[in-house]
Amino acid sequence: MRLVACMVAVVMTLGGAVMAQQAFVQPTPLTFRVTGQAEAMPEYAVIRIAADGEGETLTKAQGMQTLVENRILNVLDKYGIKRNAIQTYKFDVTPILPASNSSSYSSSRSSSDGMAQVGYNVRREYKITIPVNIESLDKLLEITDACLKEGAKLYLPFDSSSGSWSSSQKNTSIIEFMQIDTTALTQKAMNDAIARARKLAEDAAKGMGKTSANLVKVQMIGSQNTTTMRTSSSSYDYTPITTVPAWEPIKVSVTVETSFSCD
């Protein structure tokens, strides 16, 4: 009898251990990979213009360029645009070679490499960053037009062989738009992805007879600007600002992988 009682006790103990182990087995979490989106209108406009000067010597070319630059700066002052909003991002000095049919000056000069030249072009190129909204779009055109009237040139690369601005980038936008910091927009898209995943988890939990779904893990898989974004195609422009060619919503998508437990 005593032996039988011991065997029964052992069996009950093992059975209880198995039941306890089964009770602590973690259920498989619900996992979803979801993409969320967010958008916002650009906060800033970027006016891209240049001031050129030409002359038979570098000093004369620089002097002519400075005259144009001062006129442009005076215009911007009148519109209340502060100097820290005006970025000089290229200073370029280029020899002007005689065109096949005519030359800019009657006397040609010889450069150090033996090529004939008729003068020099000195150019500064600018990015003027201005806060923008729907009400101020017309003002951007007014400011740009005023600068052009004072001698500003369109943002086009100078072709020294022809003594003119390259025609290869005639469609380059004079005014572009941007958001300096898209961190908040990315976070908004991530929150949207999590909300979408939570809805899927809650629906799945109800189908399993559960009452709630709790987020236990979230990981960002990737993010992407879904608007047609662009940066300058010029090899010398290293400014890490991405712009859009029109005042339109800047769209961001974020993909996350989420895990939920069910109660």
C-alpha atoms as a PDB file:
ATOM      1  CA  MET A   1       0.000   0.000   0.000  1.00  0.00           C
ATOM      2  CA  ARG A   2       2.776   2.383   0.925  1.00  0.00           C
ATOM      3  CA  LEU A   3       4.543   1.683  -2.415  1.00  0.00           C
ATOM      4  CA  VAL A   4       1.360   2.292  -4.365  1.00  0.00           C
ATOM      5  CA  ALA A   5       0.770   5.578  -2.545  1.00  0.00           C
ATOM      6  CA  CYS A   6       4.286   6.737  -3.397  1.00  0.00           C
ATOM      7  CA  MET A   7       3.779   5.881  -7.070  1.00  0.00           C
ATOM      8  CA  VAL A   8       0.492   7.779  -7.136  1.00  0.00           C
ATOM      9  CA  ALA A   9       2.165  10.783  -5.513  1.00  0.00           C
ATOM     10  CA  VAL A  10       4.970  10.712  -8.090  1.00  0.00           C
ATOM     11  CA  VAL A  11       2.482  10.513 -10.976  1.00  0.00           C
ATOM     12  CA  MET A  12       0.444  13.403  -9.548  1.00  0.00           C
ATOM     13  CA  THR A  13       3.610  15.476  -9.066  1.00  0.00           C
ATOM     14  CA  LEU A  14       4.769  14.860 -12.637  1.00  0.00           C
ATOM     15  CA  GLY A  15       1.293  15.580 -13.953  1.00  0.00           C
ATOM     16  CA  GLY A  16       1.177  18.850 -12.049  1.00  0.00           C
ATOM     17  CA  ALA A  17       4.573  19.861 -13.384  1.00  0.00           C
ATOM     18  CA  VAL A  18       3.469  19.147 -16.958  1.00  0.00           C
ATOM     19  CA  MET A  19       0.277  21.148 -16.464  1.00  0.00           C
ATOM     20  CA  ALA A  20       2.245  24.035 -14.938  1.00  0.00           C
ATOM     21  CA  GLN A  21       4.697  23.974 -17.834  1.00  0.00           C
ATOM     22  CA  GLN A  22       1.817  24.055 -20.305  1.00  0.00           C
ATOM     23  CA  ALA A  23       0.287  26.985 -18.439  1.00  0.00           C
ATOM     24  CA  PHE A  24       3.468  29.051 -18.901  1.00  0.00           C
ATOM     25  CA  VAL A  25       3.922  28.363 -22.626  1.00  0.00           C
ATOM     26  CA  GLN A  26       3.922  31.765 -24.368  1.00  0.00           C
ATOM     27  CA  PRO A  27       1.407  32.016 -27.193  1.00  0.00           C
ATOM     28  CA  THR A  28       2.725  32.920 -30.627  1.00  0.00           C
ATOM     29  CA  PRO A  29       2.485  36.720 -31.053  1.00  0.00           C
ATOM     30  CA  LEU A  30       0.558  38.285 -33.893  1.00  0.00           C
ATOM     31  CA  THR A  31       3.023  39.838 -36.318  1.00  0.00           C
ATOM     32  CA  PHE A  32       2.203  42.378 -39.016  1.00  0.00           C
ATOM     33  CA  ARG A  33       4.333  44.335 -41.490  1.00  0.00           C
ATOM     34  CA  VAL A  34       2.478  47.515 -42.392  1.00  0.00           C
ATOM     35  CA  THR A  35       3.229  50.747 -44.265  1.00  0.00           C
ATOM     36  CA  GLY A  36       1.975  54.097 -43.015  1.00  0.00           C
ATOM     37  CA  GLN A  37       1.921  57.447 -44.781  1.00  0.00           C
ATOM     38  CA  ALA A  38       1.984  61.143 -43.942  1.00  0.00           C
ATOM     39  CA  GLU A  39       2.193  64.347 -45.949  1.00  0.00           C
ATOM     40  CA  ALA A  40       2.705  68.063 -45.430  1.00  0.00           C
ATOM     41  CA  MET A  41       3.042  71.131 -47.588  1.00  0.00           C
ATOM     42  CA  PRO A  42       6.564  72.607 -48.009  1.00  0.00           C
ATOM     43  CA  GLU A  43       7.582  75.130 -45.386  1.00  0.00           C
ATOM     44  CA  TYR A  44      10.192  77.020 -47.407  1.00  0.00           C
ATOM     45  CA  ALA A  45      10.785  78.260 -50.927  1.00  0.00           C
ATOM     46  CA  VAL A  46      14.264  78.363 -52.464  1.00  0.00           C
ATOM     47  CA  ILE A  47      14.864  80.988 -55.152  1.00  0.00           C
ATOM     48  CA  ARG A  48      17.880  80.071 -57.277  1.00  0.00           C
ATOM     49  CA  ILE A  49      19.552  82.935 -59.141  1.00  0.00           C
ATOM     50  CA  ALA A  50      23.032  84.072 -60.172  1.00  0.00           C
ATOM     51  CA  ALA A  51      24.901  87.353 -60.569  1.00  0.00           C
ATOM     52  CA  ASP A  52      27.414  87.555 -63.405  1.00  0.00           C
ATOM     53  CA  GLY A  53      30.084  90.011 -64.407  1.00  0.00           C
ATOM     54  CA  GLU A  54      32.219  90.083 -67.539  1.00  0.00           C
ATOM     55  CA  GLY A  55      35.378  91.985 -68.327  1.00  0.00           C
ATOM     56  CA  GLU A  56      38.667  91.940 -70.179  1.00  0.00           C
ATOM     57  CA  THR A  57      40.440  91.315 -66.868  1.00  0.00           C
ATOM     58  CA  LEU A  58      39.464  89.418 -63.746  1.00  0.00           C
ATOM     59  CA  THR A  59      39.342  92.658 -61.756  1.00  0.00           C
ATOM     60  CA  LYS A  60      36.937  94.265 -64.209  1.00  0.00           C
ATOM     61  CA  ALA A  61      34.768  91.126 -64.314  1.00  0.00           C
ATOM     62  CA  GLN A  62      34.662  91.002 -60.508  1.00  0.00           C
ATOM     63  CA  GLY A  63      33.739  94.687 -60.374  1.00  0.00           C
ATOM     64  CA  MET A  64      30.811  94.177 -62.749  1.00  0.00           C
ATOM     65  CA  GLN A  65      29.655  91.144 -60.792  1.00  0.00           C
ATOM     66  CA  THR A  66      29.778  93.102 -57.524  1.00  0.00           C
ATOM     67  CA  LEU A  67      27.607  95.859 -58.996  1.00  0.00           C
ATOM     68  CA  VAL A  68      24.918  93.340 -59.956  1.00  0.00           C
ATOM     69  CA  GLU A  69      25.183  91.582 -56.608  1.00  0.00           C
ATOM     70  CA  ASN A  70      24.707  94.818 -54.659  1.00  0.00           C
ATOM     71  CA  ARG A  71      21.603  95.671 -56.662  1.00  0.00           C
ATOM     72  CA  ILE A  72      20.152  92.229 -55.925  1.00  0.00           C
ATOM     73  CA  LEU A  73      20.939  92.516 -52.203  1.00  0.00           C
ATOM     74  CA  ASN A  74      19.261  95.930 -52.066  1.00  0.00           C
ATOM     75  CA  VAL A  75      16.113  94.436 -53.577  1.00  0.00           C
ATOM     76  CA  LEU A  76      16.097  91.614 -51.051  1.00  0.00           C
ATOM     77  CA  ASP A  77      16.590  94.122 -48.216  1.00  0.00           C
ATOM     78  CA  LYS A  78      13.486  95.995 -49.353  1.00  0.00           C
ATOM     79  CA  TYR A  79      11.482  92.775 -49.056  1.00  0.00           C
ATOM     80  CA  GLY A  80      12.799  92.145 -45.546  1.00  0.00           C
ATOM     81  CA  ILE A  81      14.916  89.153 -46.490  1.00  0.00           C
ATOM     82  CA  LYS A  82      17.825  88.890 -44.078  1.00  0.00           C
ATOM     83  CA  ARG A  83      21.354  88.122 -45.189  1.00  0.00           C
ATOM     84  CA  ASN A  84      21.446  84.781 -43.356  1.00  0.00           C
ATOM     85  CA  ALA A  85      18.676  83.579 -45.710  1.00  0.00           C
ATOM     86  CA  ILE A  86      20.936  84.213 -48.731  1.00  0.00           C
ATOM     87  CA  GLN A  87      23.453  81.446 -49.335  1.00  0.00           C
ATOM     88  CA  THR A  88      26.292  81.813 -51.817  1.00  0.00           C
ATOM     89  CA  TYR A  89      26.931  78.225 -52.825  1.00  0.00           C
ATOM     90  CA  LYS A  90      29.149  78.703 -55.860  1.00  0.00           C
ATOM     91  CA  PHE A  91      31.773  81.210 -56.938  1.00  0.00           C
ATOM     92  CA  ASP A  92      32.996  80.558 -60.446  1.00  0.00           C
ATOM     93  CA  VAL A  93      35.618  82.204 -62.685  1.00  0.00           C
ATOM     94  CA  THR A  94      35.557  81.199 -66.341  1.00  0.00           C
ATOM     95  CA  PRO A  95      37.537  82.390 -69.362  1.00  0.00           C
ATOM     96  CA  ILE A  96      35.373  83.531 -72.256  1.00  0.00           C
ATOM     97  CA  LEU A  97      36.541  82.060 -75.544  1.00  0.00           C
ATOM     98  CA  PRO A  98      35.732  83.751 -78.855  1.00  0.00           C
ATOM     99  CA  ALA A  99      32.606  82.499 -80.551  1.00  0.00           C
ATOM    100  CA  SER A 100      32.889  81.243 -84.098  1.00  0.00           C
ATOM    101  CA  ASN A 101      30.953  84.174 -85.513  1.00  0.00           C
ATOM    102  CA  SER A 102      31.788  87.037 -83.147  1.00  0.00           C
ATOM    103  CA  SER A 103      33.601  87.901 -79.934  1.00  0.00           C
ATOM    104  CA  SER A 104      32.626  89.900 -76.864  1.00  0.00           C
ATOM    105  CA  TYR A 105      35.640  92.193 -77.199  1.00  0.00           C
ATOM    106  CA  SER A 106      37.583  93.437 -80.175  1.00  0.00           C
ATOM    107  CA  SER A 107      40.968  92.350 -78.895  1.00  0.00           C
ATOM    108  CA  SER A 108      41.667  88.744 -78.060  1.00  0.00           C
ATOM    109  CA  ARG A 109      44.025  87.618 -75.368  1.00  0.00           C
ATOM    110  CA  SER A 110      45.996  84.456 -74.917  1.00  0.00           C
ATOM    111  CA  SER A 111      45.519  82.288 -71.844  1.00  0.00           C
ATOM    112  CA  SER A 112      48.316  80.379 -70.152  1.00  0.00           C
ATOM    113  CA  ASP A 113      47.439  77.198 -72.036  1.00  0.00           C
ATOM    114  CA  GLY A 114      47.710  78.907 -75.401  1.00  0.00           C
ATOM    115  CA  MET A 115      43.973  79.119 -76.132  1.00  0.00           C
ATOM    116  CA  ALA A 116      42.683  82.459 -77.378  1.00  0.00           C
ATOM    117  CA  GLN A 117      40.246  84.215 -75.046  1.00  0.00           C
ATOM    118  CA  VAL A 118      38.400  87.490 -75.059  1.00  0.00           C
ATOM    119  CA  GLY A 119      37.768  88.006 -71.361  1.00  0.00           C
ATOM    120  CA  TYR A 120      36.439  86.478 -68.168  1.00  0.00           C
ATOM    121  CA  ASN A 121      33.119  85.685 -66.549  1.00  0.00           C
ATOM    122  CA  VAL A 122      32.813  85.879 -62.748  1.00  0.00           C
ATOM    123  CA  ARG A 123      29.672  84.359 -61.274  1.00  0.00           C
ATOM    124  CA  ARG A 124      28.140  83.913 -57.858  1.00  0.00           C
ATOM    125  CA  GLU A 125      25.151  81.624 -57.517  1.00  0.00           C
ATOM    126  CA  TYR A 126      22.684  81.976 -54.650  1.00  0.00           C
ATOM    127  CA  LYS A 127      19.968  80.100 -52.845  1.00  0.00           C
ATOM    128  CA  ILE A 128      17.508  82.432 -51.144  1.00  0.00           C
ATOM    129  CA  THR A 129      15.442  80.554 -48.556  1.00  0.00           C
ATOM    130  CA  ILE A 130      12.098  82.111 -47.616  1.00  0.00           C
ATOM    131  CA  PRO A 131       9.216  80.765 -45.464  1.00  0.00           C
ATOM    132  CA  VAL A 132       6.216  80.048 -47.682  1.00  0.00           C
ATOM    133  CA  ASN A 133       2.503  79.290 -47.515  1.00  0.00           C
ATOM    134  CA  ILE A 134      -0.394  79.475 -49.929  1.00  0.00           C
ATOM    135  CA  GLU A 135      -0.835  83.205 -49.306  1.00  0.00           C
ATOM    136  CA  SER A 136       2.785  84.094 -50.095  1.00  0.00           C
ATOM    137  CA  LEU A 137       3.224  82.308 -53.429  1.00  0.00           C
ATOM    138  CA  ASP A 138       2.528  85.472 -55.442  1.00  0.00           C
ATOM    139  CA  LYS A 139       5.102  87.347 -53.347  1.00  0.00           C
ATOM    140  CA  LEU A 140       7.770  84.838 -54.433  1.00  0.00           C
ATOM    141  CA  LEU A 141       7.178  85.761 -58.061  1.00  0.00           C
ATOM    142  CA  GLU A 142       7.343  89.449 -57.214  1.00  0.00           C
ATOM    143  CA  ILE A 143      10.673  89.048 -55.399  1.00  0.00           C
ATOM    144  CA  THR A 144      12.165  86.938 -58.186  1.00  0.00           C
ATOM    145  CA  ASP A 145      10.988  89.350 -60.866  1.00  0.00           C
ATOM    146  CA  ALA A 146      12.513  92.294 -58.978  1.00  0.00           C
ATOM    147  CA  CYS A 147      15.876  90.480 -58.771  1.00  0.00           C
ATOM    148  CA  LEU A 148      15.824  89.678 -62.478  1.00  0.00           C
ATOM    149  CA  LYS A 149      15.122  93.316 -63.307  1.00  0.00           C
ATOM    150  CA  GLU A 150      18.264  94.280 -61.367  1.00  0.00           C
ATOM    151  CA  GLY A 151      20.456  91.955 -63.416  1.00  0.00           C
ATOM    152  CA  ALA A 152      20.065  88.561 -61.740  1.00  0.00           C
ATOM    153  CA  LYS A 153      20.378  85.601 -64.084  1.00  0.00           C
ATOM    154  CA  LEU A 154      18.444  82.381 -64.142  1.00  0.00           C
ATOM    155  CA  TYR A 155      20.075  79.403 -62.498  1.00  0.00           C
ATOM    156  CA  LEU A 156      21.880  77.900 -65.507  1.00  0.00           C
ATOM    157  CA  PRO A 157      25.510  76.777 -65.823  1.00  0.00           C
ATOM    158  CA  PHE A 158      27.771  79.124 -67.806  1.00  0.00           C
ATOM    159  CA  ASP A 159      29.226  77.723 -71.030  1.00  0.00           C
ATOM    160  CA  SER A 160      32.565  79.450 -71.559  1.00  0.00           C
ATOM    161  CA  SER A 161      32.948  78.191 -75.126  1.00  0.00           C
ATOM    162  CA  SER A 162      29.816  80.022 -76.235  1.00  0.00           C
ATOM    163  CA  GLY A 163      29.935  82.829 -73.693  1.00  0.00           C
ATOM    164  CA  SER A 164      26.359  82.115 -72.602  1.00  0.00           C
ATOM    165  CA  TRP A 165      24.317  80.011 -70.194  1.00  0.00           C
ATOM    166  CA  SER A 166      23.975  76.363 -71.070  1.00  0.00           C
ATOM    167  CA  SER A 167      20.776  75.332 -72.808  1.00  0.00           C
ATOM    168  CA  SER A 168      21.004  71.801 -71.402  1.00  0.00           C
ATOM    169  CA  GLN A 169      19.207  72.815 -68.190  1.00  0.00           C
ATOM    170  CA  LYS A 170      16.607  75.280 -69.485  1.00  0.00           C
ATOM    171  CA  ASN A 171      13.899  73.449 -67.549  1.00  0.00           C
ATOM    172  CA  THR A 172      15.649  73.913 -64.207  1.00  0.00           C
ATOM    173  CA  SER A 173      13.219  75.502 -61.748  1.00  0.00           C
ATOM    174  CA  ILE A 174      13.990  79.031 -60.614  1.00  0.00           C
ATOM    175  CA  ILE A 175      11.897  78.467 -57.479  1.00  0.00           C
ATOM    176  CA  GLU A 176      11.899  75.174 -55.594  1.00  0.00           C
ATOM    177  CA  PHE A 177      10.289  74.108 -52.316  1.00  0.00           C
ATOM    178  CA  MET A 178      11.379  72.099 -49.305  1.00  0.00           C
ATOM    179  CA  GLN A 179      11.033  71.107 -45.691  1.00  0.00           C
ATOM    180  CA  ILE A 180      14.293  71.521 -43.812  1.00  0.00           C
ATOM    181  CA  ASP A 181      13.466  68.810 -41.255  1.00  0.00           C
ATOM    182  CA  THR A 182      11.219  65.871 -42.177  1.00  0.00           C
ATOM    183  CA  THR A 183      11.701  64.105 -38.812  1.00  0.00           C
ATOM    184  CA  ALA A 184       8.225  65.020 -37.576  1.00  0.00           C
ATOM    185  CA  LEU A 185       6.706  63.897 -40.882  1.00  0.00           C
ATOM    186  CA  THR A 186       8.513  60.558 -40.666  1.00  0.00           C
ATOM    187  CA  GLN A 187       7.279  60.069 -37.097  1.00  0.00           C
ATOM    188  CA  LYS A 188       3.721  60.846 -38.199  1.00  0.00           C
ATOM    189  CA  ALA A 189       3.969  58.212 -40.926  1.00  0.00           C
ATOM    190  CA  MET A 190       5.323  55.710 -38.399  1.00  0.00           C
ATOM    191  CA  ASN A 191       2.414  56.412 -36.040  1.00  0.00           C
ATOM    192  CA  ASP A 192       0.033  55.831 -38.937  1.00  0.00           C
ATOM    193  CA  ALA A 193       1.675  52.464 -39.659  1.00  0.00           C
ATOM    194  CA  ILE A 194       1.395  51.407 -36.007  1.00  0.00           C
ATOM    195  CA  ALA A 195      -2.283  52.430 -35.928  1.00  0.00           C
ATOM    196  CA  ARG A 196      -2.960  50.350 -39.044  1.00  0.00           C
ATOM    197  CA  ALA A 197      -1.152  47.355 -37.520  1.00  0.00           C
ATOM    198  CA  ARG A 198      -3.089  47.731 -34.240  1.00  0.00           C
ATOM    199  CA  LYS A 199      -6.398  47.613 -36.146  1.00  0.00           C
ATOM    200  CA  LEU A 200      -5.318  44.408 -37.875  1.00  0.00           C
ATOM    201  CA  ALA A 201      -4.251  42.883 -34.547  1.00  0.00           C
ATOM    202  CA  GLU A 202      -7.529  43.804 -32.828  1.00  0.00           C
ATOM    203  CA  ASP A 203      -9.554  42.275 -35.633  1.00  0.00           C
ATOM    204  CA  ALA A 204      -7.443  39.111 -35.481  1.00  0.00           C
ATOM    205  CA  ALA A 205      -7.788  38.937 -31.677  1.00  0.00           C
ATOM    206  CA  LYS A 206     -11.591  39.164 -31.900  1.00  0.00           C
ATOM    207  CA  GLY A 207     -11.579  36.333 -34.413  1.00  0.00           C
ATOM    208  CA  MET A 208      -9.654  34.235 -31.852  1.00  0.00           C
ATOM    209  CA  GLY A 209     -12.113  35.034 -29.101  1.00  0.00           C
ATOM    210  CA  LYS A 210      -9.745  37.417 -27.326  1.00  0.00           C
ATOM    211  CA  THR A 211     -10.710  40.797 -25.906  1.00  0.00           C
ATOM    212  CA  SER A 212      -7.600  42.888 -26.597  1.00  0.00           C
ATOM    213  CA  ALA A 213      -4.325  43.094 -28.519  1.00  0.00           C
ATOM    214  CA  ASN A 214      -1.266  44.657 -26.881  1.00  0.00           C
ATOM    215  CA  LEU A 215       1.711  46.016 -28.794  1.00  0.00           C
ATOM    216  CA  VAL A 216       4.879  44.339 -27.532  1.00  0.00           C
ATOM    217  CA  LYS A 217       7.385  45.167 -30.282  1.00  0.00           C
ATOM    218  CA  VAL A 218       7.762  47.598 -33.171  1.00  0.00           C
ATOM    219  CA  GLN A 219      10.665  47.934 -35.583  1.00  0.00           C
ATOM    220  CA  MET A 220      11.053  50.370 -38.477  1.00  0.00           C
ATOM    221  CA  ILE A 221      11.935  48.476 -41.649  1.00  0.00           C
ATOM    222  CA  GLY A 222      12.388  51.478 -43.897  1.00  0.00           C
ATOM    223  CA  SER A 223      11.171  54.934 -44.898  1.00  0.00           C
ATOM    224  CA  GLN A 224      10.805  56.633 -48.248  1.00  0.00           C
ATOM    225  CA  ASN A 225       9.886  59.997 -49.735  1.00  0.00           C
ATOM    226  CA  THR A 226       7.122  59.135 -52.187  1.00  0.00           C
ATOM    227  CA  THR A 227       6.934  62.638 -53.656  1.00  0.00           C
ATOM    228  CA  THR A 228       9.076  63.320 -56.730  1.00  0.00           C
ATOM    229  CA  MET A 229      12.091  64.664 -54.847  1.00  0.00           C
ATOM    230  CA  ARG A 230      15.331  65.923 -56.355  1.00  0.00           C
ATOM    231  CA  THR A 231      18.667  67.431 -55.537  1.00  0.00           C
ATOM    232  CA  SER A 232      20.889  69.591 -57.700  1.00  0.00           C
ATOM    233  CA  SER A 233      22.476  67.667 -60.562  1.00  0.00           C
ATOM    234  CA  SER A 234      25.574  69.884 -60.425  1.00  0.00           C
ATOM    235  CA  SER A 235      28.650  68.058 -59.242  1.00  0.00           C
ATOM    236  CA  TYR A 236      29.816  71.079 -57.237  1.00  0.00           C
ATOM    237  CA  ASP A 237      26.623  71.465 -55.197  1.00  0.00           C
ATOM    238  CA  TYR A 238      27.067  69.524 -51.958  1.00  0.00           C
ATOM    239  CA  THR A 239      24.248  71.209 -50.021  1.00  0.00           C
ATOM    240  CA  PRO A 240      22.285  68.337 -48.385  1.00  0.00           C
ATOM    241  CA  ILE A 241      18.877  69.883 -49.056  1.00  0.00           C
ATOM    242  CA  THR A 242      16.327  67.888 -50.992  1.00  0.00           C
ATOM    243  CA  THR A 243      13.685  69.917 -52.781  1.00  0.00           C
ATOM    244  CA  VAL A 244      10.551  69.462 -54.827  1.00  0.00           C
ATOM    245  CA  PRO A 245      10.082  71.393 -58.075  1.00  0.00           C
ATOM    246  CA  ALA A 246       6.565  72.592 -57.209  1.00  0.00           C
ATOM    247  CA  TRP A 247       4.546  73.664 -54.160  1.00  0.00           C
ATOM    248  CA  GLU A 248       2.873  70.328 -53.559  1.00  0.00           C
ATOM    249  CA  PRO A 249       2.532  67.893 -50.634  1.00  0.00           C
ATOM    250  CA  ILE A 250       5.756  66.244 -49.521  1.00  0.00           C
ATOM    251  CA  LYS A 251       4.817  62.617 -48.872  1.00  0.00           C
ATOM    252  CA  VAL A 252       6.654  60.143 -46.654  1.00  0.00           C
ATOM    253  CA  SER A 253       5.946  56.440 -46.161  1.00  0.00           C
ATOM    254  CA  VAL A 254       7.298  54.290 -43.334  1.00  0.00           C
ATOM    255  CA  THR A 255       7.173  50.472 -43.095  1.00  0.00           C
ATOM    256  CA  VAL A 256       7.196  48.848 -39.650  1.00  0.00           C
ATOM    257  CA  GLU A 257       7.093  45.303 -38.334  1.00  0.00           C
ATOM    258  CA  THR A 258       4.937  44.923 -35.217  1.00  0.00           C
ATOM    259  CA  SER A 259       4.165  42.153 -32.734  1.00  0.00           C
ATOM    260  CA  PHE A 260       1.053  41.949 -30.518  1.00  0.00           C
ATOM    261  CA  SER A 261       0.031  39.707 -27.649  1.00  0.00           C
ATOM    262  CA  CYS A 262      -3.624  38.817 -27.120  1.00  0.00           C
ATOM    263  CA  ASP A 263      -5.591  38.678 -23.846  1.00  0.00           C
END
